[in-house]
C-alpha cells in the first residue's frame, strides 16, 4: 500500500482524535483498510477513518459545494489529501 496514502489516513485520524497514533493503532487501521469491502482505495481509507473514529467524513460533492461559499476547514483539507493520495497510489 502506498506510504503517502497511509500517512494521509493516519494524519486525518490524528486530527480527529487530537492525539498521535500508536503503532498498534496504525496496525489496526491498516487491517481495516485491507479488510474493507470498498473497491476504491479512497473508499477503503474513508471507511477505515469512519470505523476508527466514528466520524463521517464529508463527501467530495459536499466539499466542492462548501468551497464555493466558505473557506475549507482543516478536516476538509485532510479529507481532500486522503482522496488525492488514494488516486496517486491507484495510478502507481
PDB file of N, CA and C in Angstrom:
ATOM      1  N   UNK A   1       0.850  -1.182   0.000  1.00  0.00           N
ATOM      2  CA  UNK A   1       0.000   0.000   0.000  1.00  0.00           C
ATOM      3  C   UNK A   1       0.891   1.238   0.000  1.00  0.00           C
ATOM      4  N   UNK A   2       0.504   2.219  -0.743  1.00  0.00           N
ATOM      5  CA  UNK A   2       1.285   3.443  -0.887  1.00  0.00           C
ATOM      6  C   UNK A   2       1.487   4.143   0.460  1.00  0.00           C
ATOM      7  N   UNK A   3       2.730   4.481   0.755  1.00  0.00           N
ATOM      8  CA  UNK A   3       3.082   5.133   2.025  1.00  0.00           C
ATOM      9  C   UNK A   3       2.365   6.476   2.212  1.00  0.00           C
ATOM     10  N   UNK A   4       2.301   7.282   1.155  1.00  0.00           N
ATOM     11  CA  UNK A   4       1.662   8.601   1.249  1.00  0.00           C
ATOM     12  C   UNK A   4       0.170   8.457   1.589  1.00  0.00           C
ATOM     13  N   UNK A   5      -0.468   7.454   1.025  1.00  0.00           N
ATOM     14  CA  UNK A   5      -1.882   7.221   1.322  1.00  0.00           C
ATOM     15  C   UNK A   5      -2.064   6.874   2.801  1.00  0.00           C
ATOM     16  N   UNK A   6      -1.273   5.940   3.304  1.00  0.00           N
ATOM     17  CA  UNK A   6      -1.384   5.571   4.724  1.00  0.00           C
ATOM     18  C   UNK A   6      -1.111   6.768   5.624  1.00  0.00           C
ATOM     19  N   UNK A   7      -0.107   7.545   5.258  1.00  0.00           N
ATOM     20  CA  UNK A   7       0.224   8.742   6.036  1.00  0.00           C
ATOM     21  C   UNK A   7      -0.974   9.688   6.094  1.00  0.00           C
ATOM     22  N   UNK A   8      -1.671   9.855   4.972  1.00  0.00           N
ATOM     23  CA  UNK A   8      -2.826  10.760   4.954  1.00  0.00           C
ATOM     24  C   UNK A   8      -3.966  10.220   5.813  1.00  0.00           C
ATOM     25  N   UNK A   9      -4.161   8.907   5.819  1.00  0.00           N
ATOM     26  CA  UNK A   9      -5.193   8.305   6.669  1.00  0.00           C
ATOM     27  C   UNK A   9      -4.836   8.524   8.136  1.00  0.00           C
ATOM     28  N   UNK A  10      -3.586   8.265   8.499  1.00  0.00           N
ATOM     29  CA  UNK A  10      -3.151   8.439   9.884  1.00  0.00           C
ATOM     30  C   UNK A  10      -3.280   9.898  10.329  1.00  0.00           C
ATOM     31  N   UNK A  11      -2.874  10.836   9.475  1.00  0.00           N
ATOM     32  CA  UNK A  11      -2.973  12.268   9.830  1.00  0.00           C
ATOM     33  C   UNK A  11      -4.423  12.677  10.050  1.00  0.00           C
ATOM     34  N   UNK A  12      -5.303  12.189   9.227  1.00  0.00           N
ATOM     35  CA  UNK A  12      -6.721  12.515   9.353  1.00  0.00           C
ATOM     36  C   UNK A  12      -7.268  12.000  10.681  1.00  0.00           C
ATOM     37  N   UNK A  13      -6.932  10.766  11.017  1.00  0.00           N
ATOM     38  CA  UNK A  13      -7.388  10.188  12.287  1.00  0.00           C
ATOM     39  C   UNK A  13      -6.784  10.932  13.476  1.00  0.00           C
ATOM     40  N   UNK A  14      -5.507  11.258  13.397  1.00  0.00           N
ATOM     41  CA  UNK A  14      -4.865  12.006  14.486  1.00  0.00           C
ATOM     42  C   UNK A  14      -5.516  13.370  14.665  1.00  0.00           C
ATOM     43  N   UNK A  15      -5.889  14.003  13.568  1.00  0.00           N
ATOM     44  CA  UNK A  15      -6.570  15.300  13.655  1.00  0.00           C
ATOM     45  C   UNK A  15      -7.916  15.158  14.357  1.00  0.00           C
ATOM     46  N   UNK A  16      -8.678  14.159  13.965  1.00  0.00           N
ATOM     47  CA  UNK A  16     -10.000  13.956  14.566  1.00  0.00           C
ATOM     48  C   UNK A  16      -9.872  13.612  16.044  1.00  0.00           C
ATOM     49  N   UNK A  17      -8.961  12.704  16.377  1.00  0.00           N
ATOM     50  CA  UNK A  17      -8.803  12.258  17.768  1.00  0.00           C
ATOM     51  C   UNK A  17      -7.940  13.184  18.615  1.00  0.00           C
ATOM     52  N   UNK A  18      -7.247  14.097  17.964  1.00  0.00           N
ATOM     53  CA  UNK A  18      -6.379  15.065  18.639  1.00  0.00           C
ATOM     54  C   UNK A  18      -5.299  14.400  19.487  1.00  0.00           C
ATOM     55  N   UNK A  19      -4.747  13.315  18.924  1.00  0.00           N
ATOM     56  CA  UNK A  19      -3.599  12.677  19.567  1.00  0.00           C
ATOM     57  C   UNK A  19      -2.893  11.786  18.563  1.00  0.00           C
ATOM     58  N   UNK A  20      -1.619  11.584  18.818  1.00  0.00           N
ATOM     59  CA  UNK A  20      -0.794  10.776  17.924  1.00  0.00           C
ATOM     60  C   UNK A  20      -1.170   9.299  18.052  1.00  0.00           C
ATOM     61  N   UNK A  21      -1.155   8.611  16.926  1.00  0.00           N
ATOM     62  CA  UNK A  21      -1.480   7.189  16.918  1.00  0.00           C
ATOM     63  C   UNK A  21      -0.291   6.356  17.382  1.00  0.00           C
ATOM     64  N   UNK A  22      -0.579   5.311  18.112  1.00  0.00           N
ATOM     65  CA  UNK A  22       0.445   4.341  18.492  1.00  0.00           C
ATOM     66  C   UNK A  22       0.628   3.361  17.340  1.00  0.00           C
ATOM     67  N   UNK A  23       1.727   2.645  17.358  1.00  0.00           N
ATOM     68  CA  UNK A  23       1.984   1.656  16.311  1.00  0.00           C
ATOM     69  C   UNK A  23       0.906   0.586  16.258  1.00  0.00           C
ATOM     70  N   UNK A  24       0.388   0.185  17.413  1.00  0.00           N
ATOM     71  CA  UNK A  24      -0.670  -0.827  17.435  1.00  0.00           C
ATOM     72  C   UNK A  24      -1.940  -0.292  16.772  1.00  0.00           C
ATOM     73  N   UNK A  25      -2.226   0.988  16.950  1.00  0.00           N
ATOM     74  CA  UNK A  25      -3.388   1.599  16.306  1.00  0.00           C
ATOM     75  C   UNK A  25      -3.187   1.669  14.796  1.00  0.00           C
ATOM     76  N   UNK A  26      -1.985   2.003  14.380  1.00  0.00           N
ATOM     77  CA  UNK A  26      -1.692   2.064  12.943  1.00  0.00           C
ATOM     78  C   UNK A  26      -1.851   0.686  12.303  1.00  0.00           C
ATOM     79  N   UNK A  27      -1.433  -0.338  13.014  1.00  0.00           N
ATOM     80  CA  UNK A  27      -1.584  -1.703  12.507  1.00  0.00           C
ATOM     81  C   UNK A  27      -3.072  -2.047  12.359  1.00  0.00           C
ATOM     82  N   UNK A  28      -3.873  -1.685  13.343  1.00  0.00           N
ATOM     83  CA  UNK A  28      -5.314  -1.935  13.293  1.00  0.00           C
ATOM     84  C   UNK A  28      -5.956  -1.202  12.114  1.00  0.00           C
ATOM     85  N   UNK A  29      -5.567   0.037  11.896  1.00  0.00           N
ATOM     86  CA  UNK A  29      -6.115   0.836  10.799  1.00  0.00           C
ATOM     87  C   UNK A  29      -5.734   0.221   9.451  1.00  0.00           C
ATOM     88  N   UNK A  30      -4.503  -0.237   9.329  1.00  0.00           N
ATOM     89  CA  UNK A  30      -4.087  -0.939   8.096  1.00  0.00           C
ATOM     90  C   UNK A  30      -4.962  -2.153   7.849  1.00  0.00           C
ATOM     91  N   UNK A  31      -5.267  -2.880   8.915  1.00  0.00           N
ATOM     92  CA  UNK A  31      -6.148  -4.041   8.782  1.00  0.00           C
ATOM     93  C   UNK A  31      -7.539  -3.621   8.337  1.00  0.00           C
ATOM     94  N   UNK A  32      -8.056  -2.527   8.884  1.00  0.00           N
ATOM     95  CA  UNK A  32      -9.365  -2.019   8.456  1.00  0.00           C
ATOM     96  C   UNK A  32      -9.354  -1.741   6.953  1.00  0.00           C
ATOM     97  N   UNK A  33      -8.284  -1.124   6.468  1.00  0.00           N
ATOM     98  CA  UNK A  33      -8.178  -0.792   5.046  1.00  0.00           C
ATOM     99  C   UNK A  33      -8.131  -2.067   4.210  1.00  0.00           C
ATOM    100  N   UNK A  34      -7.314  -3.012   4.636  1.00  0.00           N
ATOM    101  CA  UNK A  34      -7.152  -4.248   3.874  1.00  0.00           C
ATOM    102  C   UNK A  34      -8.413  -5.110   3.867  1.00  0.00           C
ATOM    103  N   UNK A  35      -9.193  -5.073   4.948  1.00  0.00           N
ATOM    104  CA  UNK A  35     -10.399  -5.893   5.066  1.00  0.00           C
ATOM    105  C   UNK A  35     -11.644  -5.223   4.495  1.00  0.00           C
ATOM    106  N   UNK A  36     -11.535  -3.977   4.110  1.00  0.00           N
ATOM    107  CA  UNK A  36     -12.689  -3.223   3.639  1.00  0.00           C
ATOM    108  C   UNK A  36     -13.289  -3.841   2.379  1.00  0.00           C
ATOM    109  N   UNK A  37     -14.588  -3.733   2.277  1.00  0.00           N
ATOM    110  CA  UNK A  37     -15.292  -4.204   1.091  1.00  0.00           C
ATOM    111  C   UNK A  37     -15.360  -3.161  -0.011  1.00  0.00           C
ATOM    112  N   UNK A  38     -14.865  -1.962   0.247  1.00  0.00           N
ATOM    113  CA  UNK A  38     -14.882  -0.894  -0.745  1.00  0.00           C
ATOM    114  C   UNK A  38     -13.936  -1.232  -1.897  1.00  0.00           C
ATOM    115  N   UNK A  39     -14.307  -0.805  -3.077  1.00  0.00           N
ATOM    116  CA  UNK A  39     -13.492  -1.083  -4.260  1.00  0.00           C
ATOM    117  C   UNK A  39     -12.322  -0.111  -4.368  1.00  0.00           C
ATOM    118  N   UNK A  40     -12.603   1.181  -4.236  1.00  0.00           N
ATOM    119  CA  UNK A  40     -11.551   2.187  -4.409  1.00  0.00           C
ATOM    120  C   UNK A  40     -10.714   2.316  -3.140  1.00  0.00           C
ATOM    121  N   UNK A  41      -9.471   2.700  -3.320  1.00  0.00           N
ATOM    122  CA  UNK A  41      -8.583   2.923  -2.186  1.00  0.00           C
ATOM    123  C   UNK A  41      -9.096   4.081  -1.330  1.00  0.00           C
ATOM    124  N   UNK A  42      -9.613   5.120  -1.972  1.00  0.00           N
ATOM    125  CA  UNK A  42     -10.174   6.247  -1.218  1.00  0.00           C
ATOM    126  C   UNK A  42     -11.343   5.776  -0.355  1.00  0.00           C
ATOM    127  N   UNK A  43     -12.191   4.946  -0.912  1.00  0.00           N
ATOM    128  CA  UNK A  43     -13.326   4.411  -0.160  1.00  0.00           C
ATOM    129  C   UNK A  43     -12.881   3.567   1.020  1.00  0.00           C
ATOM    130  N   UNK A  44     -11.832   2.773   0.809  1.00  0.00           N
ATOM    131  CA  UNK A  44     -11.310   1.953   1.905  1.00  0.00           C
ATOM    132  C   UNK A  44     -10.708   2.828   2.998  1.00  0.00           C
ATOM    133  N   UNK A  45     -10.006   3.899   2.582  1.00  0.00           N
ATOM    134  CA  UNK A  45      -9.442   4.823   3.568  1.00  0.00           C
ATOM    135  C   UNK A  45     -10.517   5.540   4.352  1.00  0.00           C
ATOM    136  N   UNK A  46     -11.554   6.007   3.646  1.00  0.00           N
ATOM    137  CA  UNK A  46     -12.666   6.677   4.322  1.00  0.00           C
ATOM    138  C   UNK A  46     -13.346   5.739   5.317  1.00  0.00           C
ATOM    139  N   UNK A  47     -13.563   4.500   4.883  1.00  0.00           N
ATOM    140  CA  UNK A  47     -14.209   3.528   5.760  1.00  0.00           C
ATOM    141  C   UNK A  47     -13.367   3.272   7.004  1.00  0.00           C
ATOM    142  N   UNK A  48     -12.064   3.167   6.844  1.00  0.00           N
ATOM    143  CA  UNK A  48     -11.177   2.943   7.985  1.00  0.00           C
ATOM    144  C   UNK A  48     -11.228   4.120   8.960  1.00  0.00           C
ATOM    145  N   UNK A  49     -11.204   5.341   8.422  1.00  0.00           N
ATOM    146  CA  UNK A  49     -11.285   6.536   9.283  1.00  0.00           C
ATOM    147  C   UNK A  49     -12.601   6.550  10.041  1.00  0.00           C
ATOM    148  N   UNK A  50     -13.685   6.302   9.321  1.00  0.00           N
ATOM    149  CA  UNK A  50     -15.011   6.341   9.945  1.00  0.00           C
ATOM    150  C   UNK A  50     -15.168   5.221  10.973  1.00  0.00           C
ATOM    151  N   UNK A  51     -14.624   4.073  10.679  1.00  0.00           N
ATOM    152  CA  UNK A  51     -14.707   2.940  11.606  1.00  0.00           C
ATOM    153  C   UNK A  51     -13.886   3.199  12.865  1.00  0.00           C
ATOM    154  N   UNK A  52     -12.707   3.775  12.708  1.00  0.00           N
ATOM    155  CA  UNK A  52     -11.815   4.011  13.848  1.00  0.00           C
ATOM    156  C   UNK A  52     -12.277   5.185  14.707  1.00  0.00           C
ATOM    157  N   UNK A  53     -12.837   6.219  14.073  1.00  0.00           N
ATOM    158  CA  UNK A  53     -13.171   7.443  14.815  1.00  0.00           C
ATOM    159  C   UNK A  53     -14.668   7.652  15.049  1.00  0.00           C
ATOM    160  N   UNK A  54     -15.511   6.871  14.388  1.00  0.00           N
ATOM    161  CA  UNK A  54     -16.966   7.084  14.427  1.00  0.00           C
ATOM    162  C   UNK A  54     -17.340   8.474  13.931  1.00  0.00           C
ATOM    163  N   UNK A  55     -16.590   8.968  12.964  1.00  0.00           N
ATOM    164  CA  UNK A  55     -16.822  10.285  12.376  1.00  0.00           C
ATOM    165  C   UNK A  55     -17.047  10.122  10.882  1.00  0.00           C
ATOM    166  N   UNK A  56     -18.159  10.615  10.389  1.00  0.00           N
ATOM    167  CA  UNK A  56     -18.444  10.570   8.957  1.00  0.00           C
ATOM    168  C   UNK A  56     -17.682  11.713   8.280  1.00  0.00           C
ATOM    169  N   UNK A  57     -16.940  11.370   7.257  1.00  0.00           N
ATOM    170  CA  UNK A  57     -16.190  12.376   6.503  1.00  0.00           C
ATOM    171  C   UNK A  57     -17.093  13.013   5.454  1.00  0.00           C
ATOM    172  N   UNK A  58     -16.859  14.283   5.151  1.00  0.00           N
ATOM    173  CA  UNK A  58     -17.666  14.939   4.116  1.00  0.00           C
ATOM    174  C   UNK A  58     -17.375  14.344   2.740  1.00  0.00           C
ATOM    175  N   UNK A  59     -18.404  14.247   1.926  1.00  0.00           N
ATOM    176  CA  UNK A  59     -18.230  13.740   0.563  1.00  0.00           C
ATOM    177  C   UNK A  59     -17.497  14.770  -0.283  1.00  0.00           C
ATOM    178  N   UNK A  60     -16.959  14.327  -1.406  1.00  0.00           N
ATOM    179  CA  UNK A  60     -16.292  15.260  -2.318  1.00  0.00           C
ATOM    180  C   UNK A  60     -17.278  16.303  -2.832  1.00  0.00           C
ATOM    181  N   UNK A  61     -18.499  15.880  -3.117  1.00  0.00           N
ATOM    182  CA  UNK A  61     -19.516  16.814  -3.594  1.00  0.00           C
ATOM    183  C   UNK A  61     -19.792  17.895  -2.545  1.00  0.00           C
ATOM    184  N   UNK A  62     -19.913  17.469  -1.301  1.00  0.00           N
ATOM    185  CA  UNK A  62     -20.164  18.429  -0.220  1.00  0.00           C
ATOM    186  C   UNK A  62     -18.989  19.404  -0.068  1.00  0.00           C
ATOM    187  N   UNK A  63     -17.773  18.887  -0.203  1.00  0.00           N
ATOM    188  CA  UNK A  63     -16.592  19.758  -0.107  1.00  0.00           C
ATOM    189  C   UNK A  63     -16.551  20.757  -1.256  1.00  0.00           C
ATOM    190  N   UNK A  64     -16.917  20.324  -2.454  1.00  0.00           N
ATOM    191  CA  UNK A  64     -16.952  21.247  -3.605  1.00  0.00           C
ATOM    192  C   UNK A  64     -17.960  22.364  -3.372  1.00  0.00           C
ATOM    193  N   UNK A  65     -19.132  21.995  -2.892  1.00  0.00           N
ATOM    194  CA  UNK A  65     -20.172  22.994  -2.630  1.00  0.00           C
ATOM    195  C   UNK A  65     -19.742  23.954  -1.524  1.00  0.00           C
ATOM    196  N   UNK A  66     -19.138  23.428  -0.494  1.00  0.00           N
ATOM    197  CA  UNK A  66     -18.684  24.259   0.625  1.00  0.00           C
ATOM    198  C   UNK A  66     -17.603  25.238   0.167  1.00  0.00           C
ATOM    199  N   UNK A  67     -16.683  24.757  -0.665  1.00  0.00           N
ATOM    200  CA  UNK A  67     -15.573  25.602  -1.123  1.00  0.00           C
ATOM    201  C   UNK A  67     -16.059  26.809  -1.917  1.00  0.00           C
ATOM    202  N   UNK A  68     -17.229  26.715  -2.513  1.00  0.00           N
ATOM    203  CA  UNK A  68     -17.784  27.829  -3.287  1.00  0.00           C
ATOM    204  C   UNK A  68     -18.288  28.955  -2.398  1.00  0.00           C
ATOM    205  N   UNK A  69     -18.668  28.643  -1.155  1.00  0.00           N
ATOM    206  CA  UNK A  69     -19.287  29.649  -0.296  1.00  0.00           C
ATOM    207  C   UNK A  69     -18.527  29.953   0.996  1.00  0.00           C
ATOM    208  N   UNK A  70     -17.578  29.089   1.361  1.00  0.00           N
ATOM    209  CA  UNK A  70     -16.866  29.295   2.627  1.00  0.00           C
ATOM    210  C   UNK A  70     -15.481  28.661   2.550  1.00  0.00           C
ATOM    211  N   UNK A  71     -14.579  29.136   3.393  1.00  0.00           N
ATOM    212  CA  UNK A  71     -13.251  28.513   3.429  1.00  0.00           C
ATOM    213  C   UNK A  71     -13.340  27.088   3.968  1.00  0.00           C
ATOM    214  N   UNK A  72     -12.500  26.231   3.453  1.00  0.00           N
ATOM    215  CA  UNK A  72     -12.458  24.863   3.944  1.00  0.00           C
ATOM    216  C   UNK A  72     -11.714  24.804   5.266  1.00  0.00           C
ATOM    217  N   UNK A  73     -12.143  23.898   6.115  1.00  0.00           N
ATOM    218  CA  UNK A  73     -11.536  23.717   7.433  1.00  0.00           C
ATOM    219  C   UNK A  73     -10.437  22.654   7.344  1.00  0.00           C
ATOM    220  N   UNK A  74      -9.608  22.544   8.383  1.00  0.00           N
ATOM    221  CA  UNK A  74      -8.531  21.544   8.353  1.00  0.00           C
ATOM    222  C   UNK A  74      -9.026  20.124   8.064  1.00  0.00           C
ATOM    223  N   UNK A  75     -10.150  19.717   8.639  1.00  0.00           N
ATOM    224  CA  UNK A  75     -10.690  18.380   8.369  1.00  0.00           C
ATOM    225  C   UNK A  75     -11.000  18.217   6.886  1.00  0.00           C
ATOM    226  N   UNK A  76     -11.521  19.268   6.261  1.00  0.00           N
ATOM    227  CA  UNK A  76     -11.827  19.223   4.830  1.00  0.00           C
ATOM    228  C   UNK A  76     -10.558  19.042   4.004  1.00  0.00           C
ATOM    229  N   UNK A  77      -9.516  19.782   4.345  1.00  0.00           N
ATOM    230  CA  UNK A  77      -8.246  19.686   3.618  1.00  0.00           C
ATOM    231  C   UNK A  77      -7.624  18.304   3.783  1.00  0.00           C
ATOM    232  N   UNK A  78      -7.687  17.758   4.986  1.00  0.00           N
ATOM    233  CA  UNK A  78      -7.138  16.426   5.218  1.00  0.00           C
ATOM    234  C   UNK A  78      -7.930  15.359   4.471  1.00  0.00           C
ATOM    235  N   UNK A  79      -9.227  15.550   4.364  1.00  0.00           N
ATOM    236  CA  UNK A  79     -10.067  14.631   3.589  1.00  0.00           C
ATOM    237  C   UNK A  79      -9.686  14.691   2.117  1.00  0.00           C
ATOM    238  N   UNK A  80      -9.454  15.885   1.604  1.00  0.00           N
ATOM    239  CA  UNK A  80      -9.024  16.029   0.211  1.00  0.00           C
ATOM    240  C   UNK A  80      -7.644  15.406  -0.012  1.00  0.00           C
ATOM    241  N   UNK A  81      -6.761  15.537   0.966  1.00  0.00           N
ATOM    242  CA  UNK A  81      -5.437  14.916   0.851  1.00  0.00           C
ATOM    243  C   UNK A  81      -5.555  13.400   0.795  1.00  0.00           C
ATOM    244  N   UNK A  82      -6.460  12.831   1.585  1.00  0.00           N
ATOM    245  CA  UNK A  82      -6.679  11.395   1.541  1.00  0.00           C
ATOM    246  C   UNK A  82      -7.133  10.979   0.143  1.00  0.00           C
ATOM    247  N   UNK A  83      -8.084  11.708  -0.414  1.00  0.00           N
ATOM    248  CA  UNK A  83      -8.589  11.404  -1.759  1.00  0.00           C
ATOM    249  C   UNK A  83      -7.470  11.498  -2.798  1.00  0.00           C
ATOM    250  N   UNK A  84      -6.675  12.556  -2.716  1.00  0.00           N
ATOM    251  CA  UNK A  84      -5.580  12.747  -3.670  1.00  0.00           C
ATOM    252  C   UNK A  84      -4.548  11.617  -3.554  1.00  0.00           C
ATOM    253  N   UNK A  85      -4.153  11.299  -2.313  1.00  0.00           N
ATOM    254  CA  UNK A  85      -3.145  10.258  -2.097  1.00  0.00           C
ATOM    255  C   UNK A  85      -3.656   8.900  -2.582  1.00  0.00           C
ATOM    256  N   UNK A  86      -4.940   8.637  -2.396  1.00  0.00           N
ATOM    257  CA  UNK A  86      -5.510   7.374  -2.873  1.00  0.00           C
ATOM    258  C   UNK A  86      -5.452   7.298  -4.392  1.00  0.00           C
ATOM    259  N   UNK A  87      -5.773   8.379  -5.050  1.00  0.00           N
ATOM    260  CA  UNK A  87      -5.736   8.398  -6.517  1.00  0.00           C
ATOM    261  C   UNK A  87      -4.304   8.225  -7.044  1.00  0.00           C
ATOM    262  N   UNK A  88      -3.361   8.861  -6.376  1.00  0.00           N
ATOM    263  CA  UNK A  88      -1.966   8.720  -6.771  1.00  0.00           C
ATOM    264  C   UNK A  88      -1.490   7.272  -6.584  1.00  0.00           C
ATOM    265  N   UNK A  89      -1.890   6.659  -5.510  1.00  0.00           N
ATOM    266  CA  UNK A  89      -1.493   5.275  -5.234  1.00  0.00           C
ATOM    267  C   UNK A  89      -2.122   4.320  -6.232  1.00  0.00           C
ATOM    268  N   UNK A  90      -3.334   4.599  -6.648  1.00  0.00           N
ATOM    269  CA  UNK A  90      -4.013   3.741  -7.616  1.00  0.00           C
ATOM    270  C   UNK A  90      -3.376   3.861  -9.016  1.00  0.00           C
ATOM    271  N   UNK A  91      -2.792   5.016  -9.303  1.00  0.00           N
ATOM    272  CA  UNK A  91      -2.126   5.212 -10.597  1.00  0.00           C
ATOM    273  C   UNK A  91      -0.809   4.442 -10.679  1.00  0.00           C
ATOM    274  N   UNK A  92      -0.154   4.320  -9.511  1.00  0.00           N
ATOM    275  CA  UNK A  92       1.185   3.692  -9.470  1.00  0.00           C
ATOM    276  C   UNK A  92       1.151   2.205  -9.743  1.00  0.00           C
TER     277      UNK A  92
END
